[in-house]
Amino acid sequence: MLQINDTIISPDLFEERFLCDLSSCKGICCVEGDSGAPLEWEEIDILEAILPEIQEDLSEVARNLIDEEGVYYIDEDDEPVTSIVNGRECVFTYTDENGVCKCAVEKAYREGKIDFYKPVSCHLYPVRLQKYKEFTAVNIHKWSVCECARSLGKINNVPVYKFLKEPLIRKFGTEWYEQVEFAANELSHSDLSGMDMQ
């Protein structure tokens, strides 16, 4: 494991390959799963505020669900997650002309309607964060629906940390990411076990 500041990073961030292949998976990660997407508490207020800008892209079922139950609920781990429709897809999804499930929040961002990209947990996937009292664990979530992304990542030799450069910087900052890059460069001739880059 690698420690940078108050984060403990799994070696999988360097060793695993990943590159989203939407043409193959059709955005199934926004549909399948045990619960909604994890949310930061401050993201709930943001999602509620931007609803007028994304409503038209949401399904009628999703709009009704949000009206009745809100944009989030508390899951089995006692954490806030996005509300889901029929126990499956996130309320913020829509399907494009190619049958690909996409994020209405991200669409509005790309169209310049809002300045919030999307929940950081979605942006970071396949990285999942686990917060503890004194540190945050940075792990890779391995899910069968993303097998095509792992295959494409291997073909193109894209490590997870490179695929997720933008969201990792968004979450942890440029200096943190530069230390990740330094660690990756050292990996070929160093043992990450016990490395501390505080």
N, C-alpha and C. Protein backbone atom coordinates (compact mmCIF):
# COMPACT_ATOMS: atom_id res chain seq x y z
N MET A 1 0.85 -1.20 0.00
CA MET A 1 0.00 0.00 0.00
C MET A 1 0.88 1.25 0.00
N LEU A 2 0.36 2.30 -0.56
CA LEU A 2 1.07 3.57 -0.65
C LEU A 2 0.33 4.63 0.14
N GLN A 3 1.05 5.39 0.96
CA GLN A 3 0.42 6.48 1.70
C GLN A 3 0.87 7.81 1.13
N ILE A 4 -0.09 8.67 0.80
CA ILE A 4 0.17 10.05 0.41
C ILE A 4 -0.74 10.93 1.26
N ASN A 5 -0.10 11.74 2.08
CA ASN A 5 -0.85 12.58 3.03
C ASN A 5 -1.78 11.70 3.87
N ASP A 6 -3.09 11.96 3.83
CA ASP A 6 -4.00 11.16 4.65
C ASP A 6 -4.77 10.14 3.81
N THR A 7 -4.17 9.70 2.70
CA THR A 7 -4.78 8.67 1.88
C THR A 7 -3.90 7.43 1.85
N ILE A 8 -4.55 6.27 1.84
CA ILE A 8 -3.87 4.99 1.68
C ILE A 8 -4.34 4.42 0.35
N ILE A 9 -3.40 4.21 -0.57
CA ILE A 9 -3.73 3.88 -1.95
C ILE A 9 -3.41 2.43 -2.26
N SER A 10 -4.36 1.74 -2.83
CA SER A 10 -4.17 0.35 -3.24
C SER A 10 -3.22 0.28 -4.43
N PRO A 11 -2.34 -0.73 -4.47
CA PRO A 11 -1.47 -0.93 -5.64
C PRO A 11 -2.26 -1.13 -6.93
N ASP A 12 -3.53 -1.51 -6.82
CA ASP A 12 -4.35 -1.72 -8.01
C ASP A 12 -4.47 -0.45 -8.85
N LEU A 13 -4.32 0.71 -8.21
CA LEU A 13 -4.40 1.97 -8.94
C LEU A 13 -3.34 2.03 -10.03
N PHE A 14 -2.21 1.36 -9.79
CA PHE A 14 -1.11 1.34 -10.74
C PHE A 14 -1.11 0.08 -11.61
N GLU A 15 -1.54 -1.01 -11.02
CA GLU A 15 -1.42 -2.31 -11.68
C GLU A 15 -2.60 -2.63 -12.60
N GLU A 16 -3.79 -2.21 -12.23
CA GLU A 16 -4.97 -2.51 -13.04
C GLU A 16 -5.06 -1.57 -14.23
N ARG A 17 -5.62 -2.09 -15.34
CA ARG A 17 -5.86 -1.29 -16.54
C ARG A 17 -7.35 -1.07 -16.71
N PHE A 18 -7.73 0.13 -17.21
CA PHE A 18 -9.16 0.47 -17.29
C PHE A 18 -9.35 1.58 -18.31
N LEU A 19 -10.34 1.40 -19.17
CA LEU A 19 -10.70 2.43 -20.15
C LEU A 19 -12.16 2.20 -20.53
N CYS A 20 -13.05 3.10 -20.15
CA CYS A 20 -14.47 2.91 -20.39
C CYS A 20 -14.75 2.63 -21.86
N ASP A 21 -15.65 1.69 -22.09
CA ASP A 21 -16.02 1.27 -23.44
C ASP A 21 -17.54 1.35 -23.55
N LEU A 22 -18.04 2.58 -23.66
CA LEU A 22 -19.49 2.80 -23.64
C LEU A 22 -20.21 2.11 -24.79
N SER A 23 -19.53 1.94 -25.91
CA SER A 23 -20.18 1.28 -27.04
C SER A 23 -20.50 -0.18 -26.73
N SER A 24 -19.73 -0.76 -25.80
CA SER A 24 -19.97 -2.16 -25.41
C SER A 24 -20.89 -2.28 -24.21
N CYS A 25 -20.64 -1.46 -23.17
CA CYS A 25 -21.39 -1.63 -21.91
C CYS A 25 -22.70 -0.86 -21.89
N LYS A 26 -22.83 0.15 -22.77
CA LYS A 26 -24.05 0.96 -22.85
C LYS A 26 -24.35 1.70 -21.54
N GLY A 27 -23.30 1.97 -20.74
CA GLY A 27 -23.52 2.73 -19.50
C GLY A 27 -24.24 1.96 -18.42
N ILE A 28 -24.04 0.64 -18.42
CA ILE A 28 -24.78 -0.22 -17.49
C ILE A 28 -24.46 0.08 -16.03
N CYS A 29 -23.31 0.72 -15.76
CA CYS A 29 -22.95 1.02 -14.37
C CYS A 29 -23.92 2.02 -13.74
N CYS A 30 -24.65 2.78 -14.58
CA CYS A 30 -25.64 3.72 -14.07
C CYS A 30 -26.97 3.05 -13.79
N VAL A 31 -27.05 1.76 -14.15
CA VAL A 31 -28.31 1.02 -14.01
C VAL A 31 -28.20 -0.10 -12.98
N GLU A 32 -27.15 -0.90 -13.09
CA GLU A 32 -26.98 -2.04 -12.20
C GLU A 32 -26.34 -1.61 -10.88
N GLY A 33 -26.48 -2.44 -9.86
CA GLY A 33 -25.84 -2.15 -8.58
C GLY A 33 -26.78 -2.37 -7.42
N ASP A 34 -26.20 -2.37 -6.23
CA ASP A 34 -26.98 -2.61 -5.02
C ASP A 34 -27.69 -1.36 -4.52
N SER A 35 -27.17 -0.19 -4.91
CA SER A 35 -27.77 1.06 -4.43
C SER A 35 -27.39 2.17 -5.40
N GLY A 36 -27.78 3.41 -5.05
CA GLY A 36 -27.42 4.54 -5.88
C GLY A 36 -25.95 4.89 -5.77
N ALA A 37 -25.55 5.93 -6.47
CA ALA A 37 -24.15 6.39 -6.43
C ALA A 37 -23.87 7.10 -5.11
N PRO A 38 -22.74 6.79 -4.47
CA PRO A 38 -22.40 7.48 -3.22
C PRO A 38 -22.31 8.99 -3.41
N LEU A 39 -22.77 9.73 -2.42
CA LEU A 39 -22.77 11.18 -2.48
C LEU A 39 -22.02 11.78 -1.30
N GLU A 40 -21.35 12.90 -1.55
CA GLU A 40 -20.86 13.75 -0.47
C GLU A 40 -22.07 14.55 0.02
N TRP A 41 -22.10 14.85 1.31
CA TRP A 41 -23.27 15.56 1.84
C TRP A 41 -23.51 16.89 1.13
N GLU A 42 -22.43 17.61 0.80
CA GLU A 42 -22.60 18.90 0.14
C GLU A 42 -23.12 18.75 -1.29
N GLU A 43 -22.96 17.58 -1.88
CA GLU A 43 -23.44 17.36 -3.24
C GLU A 43 -24.97 17.28 -3.29
N ILE A 44 -25.58 16.92 -2.18
CA ILE A 44 -27.05 16.83 -2.15
C ILE A 44 -27.66 18.20 -2.41
N ASP A 45 -27.14 19.23 -1.75
CA ASP A 45 -27.66 20.59 -1.96
C ASP A 45 -27.44 21.03 -3.41
N ILE A 46 -26.30 20.65 -3.97
CA ILE A 46 -26.00 21.02 -5.37
C ILE A 46 -26.99 20.35 -6.31
N LEU A 47 -27.23 19.05 -6.12
CA LEU A 47 -28.14 18.33 -7.00
C LEU A 47 -29.56 18.91 -6.91
N GLU A 48 -29.97 19.28 -5.71
CA GLU A 48 -31.31 19.87 -5.55
C GLU A 48 -31.38 21.22 -6.27
N ALA A 49 -30.29 21.99 -6.21
CA ALA A 49 -30.29 23.32 -6.81
C ALA A 49 -30.30 23.28 -8.34
N ILE A 50 -29.67 22.25 -8.92
CA ILE A 50 -29.56 22.20 -10.38
C ILE A 50 -30.72 21.45 -11.04
N LEU A 51 -31.65 20.94 -10.26
CA LEU A 51 -32.77 20.18 -10.82
C LEU A 51 -33.48 20.89 -11.98
N PRO A 52 -33.74 22.20 -11.87
CA PRO A 52 -34.44 22.87 -12.98
C PRO A 52 -33.70 22.77 -14.31
N GLU A 53 -32.36 22.65 -14.26
CA GLU A 53 -31.56 22.61 -15.48
C GLU A 53 -31.50 21.22 -16.11
N ILE A 54 -31.85 20.20 -15.35
CA ILE A 54 -31.73 18.84 -15.88
C ILE A 54 -33.05 18.09 -15.98
N GLN A 55 -34.12 18.69 -15.46
CA GLN A 55 -35.42 18.01 -15.40
C GLN A 55 -35.86 17.47 -16.75
N GLU A 56 -35.66 18.25 -17.81
CA GLU A 56 -36.19 17.86 -19.12
C GLU A 56 -35.54 16.59 -19.66
N ASP A 57 -34.35 16.26 -19.17
CA ASP A 57 -33.66 15.06 -19.64
C ASP A 57 -34.00 13.83 -18.81
N LEU A 58 -34.70 14.01 -17.71
CA LEU A 58 -35.04 12.89 -16.83
C LEU A 58 -36.36 12.26 -17.27
N SER A 59 -36.49 10.98 -16.99
CA SER A 59 -37.74 10.30 -17.30
C SER A 59 -38.85 10.80 -16.38
N GLU A 60 -40.07 10.61 -16.82
CA GLU A 60 -41.20 11.03 -15.98
C GLU A 60 -41.20 10.27 -14.66
N VAL A 61 -40.85 9.00 -14.71
CA VAL A 61 -40.78 8.19 -13.49
C VAL A 61 -39.75 8.77 -12.53
N ALA A 62 -38.59 9.16 -13.07
CA ALA A 62 -37.53 9.72 -12.24
C ALA A 62 -37.97 11.05 -11.63
N ARG A 63 -38.61 11.88 -12.43
CA ARG A 63 -39.07 13.18 -11.92
C ARG A 63 -40.08 12.99 -10.79
N ASN A 64 -40.99 12.05 -10.97
CA ASN A 64 -41.99 11.79 -9.93
C ASN A 64 -41.34 11.26 -8.66
N LEU A 65 -40.35 10.39 -8.84
CA LEU A 65 -39.66 9.83 -7.68
C LEU A 65 -38.93 10.91 -6.90
N ILE A 66 -38.27 11.82 -7.62
CA ILE A 66 -37.57 12.92 -6.95
C ILE A 66 -38.56 13.81 -6.22
N ASP A 67 -39.71 14.07 -6.84
CA ASP A 67 -40.73 14.89 -6.18
C ASP A 67 -41.20 14.24 -4.88
N GLU A 68 -41.33 12.92 -4.90
CA GLU A 68 -41.88 12.21 -3.74
C GLU A 68 -40.83 11.88 -2.68
N GLU A 69 -39.63 11.52 -3.12
CA GLU A 69 -38.64 11.00 -2.18
C GLU A 69 -37.33 11.79 -2.13
N GLY A 70 -37.13 12.72 -3.06
CA GLY A 70 -35.91 13.50 -3.05
C GLY A 70 -34.83 12.92 -3.94
N VAL A 71 -33.67 13.59 -3.98
CA VAL A 71 -32.59 13.20 -4.88
C VAL A 71 -31.70 12.12 -4.28
N TYR A 72 -31.91 11.79 -2.98
CA TYR A 72 -31.03 10.80 -2.34
C TYR A 72 -31.79 10.01 -1.30
N TYR A 73 -31.17 8.93 -0.86
CA TYR A 73 -31.66 8.19 0.30
C TYR A 73 -30.45 7.66 1.06
N ILE A 74 -30.66 7.12 2.24
CA ILE A 74 -29.57 6.57 3.05
C ILE A 74 -29.52 5.06 2.83
N ASP A 75 -28.37 4.56 2.44
CA ASP A 75 -28.26 3.13 2.10
C ASP A 75 -27.96 2.28 3.34
N GLU A 76 -27.67 1.01 3.11
CA GLU A 76 -27.44 0.07 4.20
C GLU A 76 -26.19 0.40 5.02
N ASP A 77 -25.27 1.14 4.41
CA ASP A 77 -24.05 1.55 5.12
C ASP A 77 -24.22 2.88 5.83
N ASP A 78 -25.47 3.36 5.87
CA ASP A 78 -25.80 4.63 6.53
C ASP A 78 -25.13 5.82 5.84
N GLU A 79 -25.00 5.72 4.51
CA GLU A 79 -24.40 6.79 3.71
C GLU A 79 -25.41 7.28 2.67
N PRO A 80 -25.32 8.56 2.29
CA PRO A 80 -26.24 9.08 1.27
C PRO A 80 -25.85 8.59 -0.13
N VAL A 81 -26.84 8.20 -0.91
CA VAL A 81 -26.63 7.77 -2.30
C VAL A 81 -27.76 8.34 -3.16
N THR A 82 -27.53 8.41 -4.45
CA THR A 82 -28.57 8.94 -5.34
C THR A 82 -29.79 8.03 -5.33
N SER A 83 -30.96 8.63 -5.44
CA SER A 83 -32.19 7.85 -5.53
C SER A 83 -32.16 7.01 -6.81
N ILE A 84 -32.84 5.87 -6.77
CA ILE A 84 -32.86 4.98 -7.93
C ILE A 84 -34.29 4.62 -8.31
N VAL A 85 -34.49 4.36 -9.60
CA VAL A 85 -35.80 4.05 -10.14
C VAL A 85 -35.98 2.54 -10.20
N ASN A 86 -37.08 2.07 -9.63
CA ASN A 86 -37.41 0.64 -9.65
C ASN A 86 -36.28 -0.24 -9.11
N GLY A 87 -35.56 0.29 -8.11
CA GLY A 87 -34.48 -0.48 -7.50
C GLY A 87 -33.29 -0.67 -8.41
N ARG A 88 -33.20 0.12 -9.50
CA ARG A 88 -32.13 -0.09 -10.46
C ARG A 88 -31.42 1.22 -10.83
N GLU A 89 -31.86 1.87 -11.93
CA GLU A 89 -31.05 2.96 -12.46
C GLU A 89 -31.14 4.24 -11.63
N CYS A 90 -30.05 4.97 -11.64
CA CYS A 90 -29.98 6.27 -10.98
C CYS A 90 -31.02 7.21 -11.56
N VAL A 91 -31.62 8.05 -10.72
CA VAL A 91 -32.65 8.98 -11.19
C VAL A 91 -32.10 10.02 -12.17
N PHE A 92 -30.78 10.19 -12.20
CA PHE A 92 -30.19 11.22 -13.05
C PHE A 92 -29.75 10.70 -14.41
N THR A 93 -30.18 9.50 -14.78
CA THR A 93 -29.79 8.95 -16.06
C THR A 93 -30.78 9.33 -17.17
N TYR A 94 -30.27 9.25 -18.38
CA TYR A 94 -31.11 9.34 -19.58
C TYR A 94 -30.47 8.43 -20.64
N THR A 95 -31.20 8.09 -21.66
CA THR A 95 -30.69 7.23 -22.71
C THR A 95 -30.54 8.02 -24.00
N ASP A 96 -29.34 7.99 -24.60
CA ASP A 96 -29.12 8.76 -25.82
C ASP A 96 -29.64 8.02 -27.05
N GLU A 97 -29.41 8.62 -28.22
CA GLU A 97 -29.95 8.06 -29.46
C GLU A 97 -29.34 6.71 -29.84
N ASN A 98 -28.22 6.37 -29.22
CA ASN A 98 -27.57 5.09 -29.49
C ASN A 98 -27.88 4.03 -28.43
N GLY A 99 -28.83 4.36 -27.55
CA GLY A 99 -29.20 3.41 -26.52
C GLY A 99 -28.23 3.32 -25.37
N VAL A 100 -27.37 4.34 -25.24
CA VAL A 100 -26.38 4.38 -24.15
C VAL A 100 -26.94 5.16 -22.98
N CYS A 101 -26.88 4.57 -21.80
CA CYS A 101 -27.35 5.24 -20.58
C CYS A 101 -26.29 6.24 -20.14
N LYS A 102 -26.66 7.50 -19.99
CA LYS A 102 -25.72 8.55 -19.62
C LYS A 102 -26.26 9.40 -18.48
N CYS A 103 -25.41 10.31 -18.00
CA CYS A 103 -25.75 11.15 -16.85
C CYS A 103 -26.29 12.50 -17.31
N ALA A 104 -27.49 12.84 -16.88
CA ALA A 104 -28.10 14.12 -17.23
C ALA A 104 -27.36 15.29 -16.59
N VAL A 105 -26.75 15.05 -15.44
CA VAL A 105 -25.97 16.10 -14.78
C VAL A 105 -24.75 16.45 -15.63
N GLU A 106 -24.03 15.42 -16.07
CA GLU A 106 -22.86 15.65 -16.91
C GLU A 106 -23.25 16.32 -18.23
N LYS A 107 -24.36 15.91 -18.80
CA LYS A 107 -24.85 16.51 -20.05
C LYS A 107 -25.07 18.01 -19.87
N ALA A 108 -25.73 18.39 -18.78
CA ALA A 108 -25.98 19.81 -18.52
C ALA A 108 -24.68 20.58 -18.32
N TYR A 109 -23.72 19.93 -17.67
CA TYR A 109 -22.41 20.56 -17.47
C TYR A 109 -21.73 20.82 -18.81
N ARG A 110 -21.73 19.79 -19.67
CA ARG A 110 -21.06 19.91 -20.97
C ARG A 110 -21.76 20.94 -21.86
N GLU A 111 -23.04 21.15 -21.64
CA GLU A 111 -23.79 22.15 -22.40
C GLU A 111 -23.66 23.55 -21.81
N GLY A 112 -22.91 23.68 -20.72
CA GLY A 112 -22.67 24.98 -20.10
C GLY A 112 -23.81 25.50 -19.25
N LYS A 113 -24.76 24.62 -18.90
CA LYS A 113 -25.92 25.05 -18.11
C LYS A 113 -25.61 25.12 -16.62
N ILE A 114 -24.68 24.30 -16.15
CA ILE A 114 -24.32 24.25 -14.73
C ILE A 114 -22.81 24.15 -14.61
N ASP A 115 -22.28 24.39 -13.41
CA ASP A 115 -20.83 24.29 -13.21
C ASP A 115 -20.44 23.10 -12.33
N PHE A 116 -21.37 22.16 -12.16
CA PHE A 116 -21.11 20.94 -11.39
C PHE A 116 -21.05 19.79 -12.36
N TYR A 117 -19.92 19.07 -12.39
CA TYR A 117 -19.71 18.03 -13.40
C TYR A 117 -20.64 16.84 -13.19
N LYS A 118 -20.56 16.23 -12.04
CA LYS A 118 -21.42 15.15 -11.58
C LYS A 118 -20.88 14.70 -10.24
N PRO A 119 -21.60 13.86 -9.48
CA PRO A 119 -21.06 13.41 -8.19
C PRO A 119 -19.66 12.84 -8.35
N VAL A 120 -18.80 13.20 -7.42
CA VAL A 120 -17.40 12.80 -7.56
C VAL A 120 -17.22 11.29 -7.53
N SER A 121 -18.10 10.56 -6.86
CA SER A 121 -17.98 9.10 -6.83
C SER A 121 -18.18 8.52 -8.22
N CYS A 122 -19.06 9.11 -9.02
CA CYS A 122 -19.28 8.65 -10.40
C CYS A 122 -18.06 9.00 -11.26
N HIS A 123 -17.55 10.21 -11.08
CA HIS A 123 -16.40 10.68 -11.83
C HIS A 123 -15.17 9.81 -11.54
N LEU A 124 -15.06 9.32 -10.32
CA LEU A 124 -13.89 8.54 -9.89
C LEU A 124 -13.96 7.05 -10.25
N TYR A 125 -15.11 6.57 -10.66
CA TYR A 125 -15.23 5.13 -10.86
C TYR A 125 -14.23 4.63 -11.90
N PRO A 126 -13.51 3.50 -11.68
CA PRO A 126 -13.76 2.42 -10.71
C PRO A 126 -13.11 2.60 -9.33
N VAL A 127 -12.56 3.78 -9.04
CA VAL A 127 -12.05 4.02 -7.69
C VAL A 127 -13.23 4.22 -6.74
N ARG A 128 -13.12 3.60 -5.59
CA ARG A 128 -14.07 3.81 -4.52
C ARG A 128 -13.30 4.26 -3.28
N LEU A 129 -13.83 5.26 -2.59
CA LEU A 129 -13.19 5.79 -1.39
C LEU A 129 -13.88 5.27 -0.15
N GLN A 130 -13.08 4.88 0.84
CA GLN A 130 -13.61 4.47 2.13
C GLN A 130 -12.99 5.36 3.19
N LYS A 131 -13.82 6.15 3.84
CA LYS A 131 -13.31 7.11 4.82
C LYS A 131 -13.25 6.47 6.20
N TYR A 132 -12.09 6.59 6.82
CA TYR A 132 -11.88 6.15 8.19
C TYR A 132 -11.55 7.37 9.05
N LYS A 133 -11.37 7.17 10.32
CA LYS A 133 -11.15 8.29 11.22
C LYS A 133 -9.91 9.09 10.86
N GLU A 134 -8.80 8.40 10.53
CA GLU A 134 -7.54 9.10 10.33
C GLU A 134 -7.05 9.08 8.89
N PHE A 135 -7.72 8.36 8.01
CA PHE A 135 -7.28 8.32 6.62
C PHE A 135 -8.43 7.92 5.70
N THR A 136 -8.21 8.10 4.40
CA THR A 136 -9.16 7.67 3.38
C THR A 136 -8.50 6.60 2.52
N ALA A 137 -9.14 5.46 2.40
CA ALA A 137 -8.63 4.37 1.58
C ALA A 137 -9.07 4.59 0.13
N VAL A 138 -8.12 4.47 -0.79
CA VAL A 138 -8.38 4.64 -2.22
C VAL A 138 -8.25 3.26 -2.86
N ASN A 139 -9.37 2.64 -3.15
CA ASN A 139 -9.38 1.26 -3.67
C ASN A 139 -10.03 1.19 -5.04
N ILE A 140 -9.84 0.06 -5.71
CA ILE A 140 -10.47 -0.20 -7.00
C ILE A 140 -11.64 -1.15 -6.79
N HIS A 141 -12.79 -0.78 -7.33
CA HIS A 141 -13.96 -1.64 -7.28
C HIS A 141 -13.99 -2.50 -8.54
N LYS A 142 -13.99 -3.80 -8.39
CA LYS A 142 -13.99 -4.71 -9.53
C LYS A 142 -15.39 -5.26 -9.72
N TRP A 143 -15.98 -4.96 -10.88
CA TRP A 143 -17.37 -5.27 -11.15
C TRP A 143 -17.46 -5.95 -12.51
N SER A 144 -18.22 -7.01 -12.59
CA SER A 144 -18.28 -7.80 -13.82
C SER A 144 -18.77 -6.99 -15.01
N VAL A 145 -19.66 -6.01 -14.77
CA VAL A 145 -20.20 -5.24 -15.90
C VAL A 145 -19.12 -4.37 -16.56
N CYS A 146 -17.99 -4.19 -15.88
CA CYS A 146 -16.91 -3.37 -16.43
C CYS A 146 -15.78 -4.21 -17.02
N GLU A 147 -16.05 -5.47 -17.30
CA GLU A 147 -15.02 -6.33 -17.88
C GLU A 147 -14.53 -5.76 -19.21
N CYS A 148 -15.44 -5.19 -19.99
CA CYS A 148 -15.04 -4.61 -21.28
C CYS A 148 -14.09 -3.43 -21.08
N ALA A 149 -14.27 -2.67 -20.01
CA ALA A 149 -13.38 -1.54 -19.72
C ALA A 149 -12.00 -2.04 -19.31
N ARG A 150 -11.95 -3.13 -18.56
CA ARG A 150 -10.65 -3.69 -18.19
C ARG A 150 -9.95 -4.25 -19.41
N SER A 151 -10.70 -4.88 -20.30
CA SER A 151 -10.10 -5.43 -21.52
C SER A 151 -9.56 -4.32 -22.41
N LEU A 152 -10.36 -3.25 -22.60
CA LEU A 152 -9.91 -2.13 -23.43
C LEU A 152 -8.72 -1.43 -22.80
N GLY A 153 -8.72 -1.35 -21.47
CA GLY A 153 -7.59 -0.74 -20.77
C GLY A 153 -6.31 -1.53 -20.98
N LYS A 154 -6.42 -2.84 -20.99
CA LYS A 154 -5.25 -3.69 -21.23
C LYS A 154 -4.74 -3.53 -22.64
N ILE A 155 -5.67 -3.49 -23.60
CA ILE A 155 -5.29 -3.33 -25.01
C ILE A 155 -4.54 -2.02 -25.22
N ASN A 156 -5.00 -0.97 -24.56
CA ASN A 156 -4.39 0.35 -24.72
C ASN A 156 -3.37 0.68 -23.64
N ASN A 157 -3.17 -0.26 -22.71
CA ASN A 157 -2.21 -0.09 -21.62
C ASN A 157 -2.43 1.21 -20.84
N VAL A 158 -3.68 1.38 -20.35
CA VAL A 158 -4.03 2.57 -19.58
C VAL A 158 -4.24 2.19 -18.12
N PRO A 159 -3.28 2.52 -17.24
CA PRO A 159 -3.47 2.24 -15.81
C PRO A 159 -4.64 3.08 -15.26
N VAL A 160 -5.25 2.58 -14.21
CA VAL A 160 -6.39 3.28 -13.62
C VAL A 160 -6.04 4.72 -13.25
N TYR A 161 -4.85 4.93 -12.67
CA TYR A 161 -4.52 6.28 -12.22
C TYR A 161 -4.43 7.27 -13.39
N LYS A 162 -4.04 6.80 -14.58
CA LYS A 162 -4.00 7.68 -15.75
C LYS A 162 -5.40 7.92 -16.31
N PHE A 163 -6.22 6.87 -16.34
CA PHE A 163 -7.59 7.01 -16.82
C PHE A 163 -8.35 8.02 -15.96
N LEU A 164 -8.06 8.04 -14.67
CA LEU A 164 -8.79 8.88 -13.73
C LEU A 164 -8.04 10.16 -13.33
N LYS A 165 -7.13 10.61 -14.16
CA LYS A 165 -6.33 11.79 -13.80
C LYS A 165 -7.21 12.98 -13.43
N GLU A 166 -8.17 13.32 -14.28
CA GLU A 166 -9.01 14.49 -14.02
C GLU A 166 -9.81 14.38 -12.72
N PRO A 167 -10.55 13.28 -12.49
CA PRO A 167 -11.31 13.20 -11.23
C PRO A 167 -10.42 13.06 -10.00
N LEU A 168 -9.26 12.41 -10.12
CA LEU A 168 -8.37 12.31 -8.97
C LEU A 168 -7.83 13.68 -8.57
N ILE A 169 -7.52 14.50 -9.57
CA ILE A 169 -7.08 15.87 -9.28
C ILE A 169 -8.24 16.67 -8.69
N ARG A 170 -9.43 16.46 -9.23
CA ARG A 170 -10.62 17.14 -8.70
C ARG A 170 -10.81 16.83 -7.22
N LYS A 171 -10.60 15.58 -6.84
CA LYS A 171 -10.83 15.17 -5.46
C LYS A 171 -9.67 15.50 -4.54
N PHE A 172 -8.45 15.24 -4.98
CA PHE A 172 -7.31 15.33 -4.07
C PHE A 172 -6.32 16.45 -4.38
N GLY A 173 -6.41 17.05 -5.54
CA GLY A 173 -5.52 18.15 -5.89
C GLY A 173 -4.35 17.73 -6.78
N THR A 174 -3.76 18.74 -7.44
CA THR A 174 -2.67 18.50 -8.38
C THR A 174 -1.43 17.94 -7.70
N GLU A 175 -1.07 18.48 -6.54
CA GLU A 175 0.13 18.02 -5.85
C GLU A 175 0.02 16.55 -5.47
N TRP A 176 -1.14 16.15 -4.99
CA TRP A 176 -1.38 14.74 -4.65
C TRP A 176 -1.19 13.87 -5.87
N TYR A 177 -1.77 14.28 -7.01
CA TYR A 177 -1.67 13.47 -8.22
C TYR A 177 -0.23 13.39 -8.72
N GLU A 178 0.52 14.47 -8.58
CA GLU A 178 1.92 14.45 -8.99
C GLU A 178 2.71 13.43 -8.17
N GLN A 179 2.35 13.28 -6.90
CA GLN A 179 3.00 12.26 -6.08
C GLN A 179 2.61 10.85 -6.52
N VAL A 180 1.37 10.70 -6.98
CA VAL A 180 0.94 9.41 -7.53
C VAL A 180 1.76 9.09 -8.78
N GLU A 181 1.95 10.08 -9.64
CA GLU A 181 2.75 9.87 -10.85
C GLU A 181 4.20 9.51 -10.50
N PHE A 182 4.74 10.17 -9.48
CA PHE A 182 6.10 9.86 -9.04
C PHE A 182 6.17 8.43 -8.55
N ALA A 183 5.18 8.01 -7.77
CA ALA A 183 5.15 6.64 -7.26
C ALA A 183 5.06 5.64 -8.41
N ALA A 184 4.26 5.97 -9.42
CA ALA A 184 4.11 5.08 -10.57
C ALA A 184 5.44 4.92 -11.30
N ASN A 185 6.19 6.01 -11.41
CA ASN A 185 7.49 5.95 -12.08
C ASN A 185 8.50 5.11 -11.29
N GLU A 186 8.34 5.12 -9.98
CA GLU A 186 9.25 4.35 -9.12
C GLU A 186 8.85 2.89 -9.01
N LEU A 187 7.62 2.57 -9.39
CA LEU A 187 7.06 1.25 -9.17
C LEU A 187 7.88 0.14 -9.82
N SER A 188 8.45 0.41 -10.97
CA SER A 188 9.17 -0.64 -11.71
C SER A 188 10.42 -1.12 -10.97
N HIS A 189 10.96 -0.28 -10.08
CA HIS A 189 12.16 -0.71 -9.36
C HIS A 189 12.08 -0.46 -7.86
N SER A 190 10.84 -0.23 -7.36
CA SER A 190 10.66 -0.03 -5.93
C SER A 190 9.48 -0.83 -5.44
N ASP A 191 9.53 -1.21 -4.18
CA ASP A 191 8.41 -1.90 -3.53
C ASP A 191 7.53 -0.86 -2.89
N LEU A 192 6.26 -0.75 -3.36
CA LEU A 192 5.36 0.27 -2.80
C LEU A 192 5.00 -0.02 -1.35
N SER A 193 5.19 -1.25 -0.91
CA SER A 193 4.82 -1.59 0.44
C SER A 193 5.56 -0.74 1.45
N GLY A 194 4.80 -0.02 2.23
CA GLY A 194 5.39 0.80 3.28
C GLY A 194 5.83 2.17 2.82
N MET A 195 5.67 2.51 1.53
CA MET A 195 6.06 3.83 1.07
C MET A 195 5.18 4.89 1.71
N ASP A 196 5.80 5.94 2.16
CA ASP A 196 5.08 7.04 2.81
C ASP A 196 5.52 8.33 2.14
N MET A 197 4.59 9.04 1.49
CA MET A 197 4.95 10.25 0.77
C MET A 197 4.28 11.48 1.36
N GLN A 198 4.18 11.53 2.66
CA GLN A 198 3.57 12.68 3.31
C GLN A 198 4.44 13.92 3.10
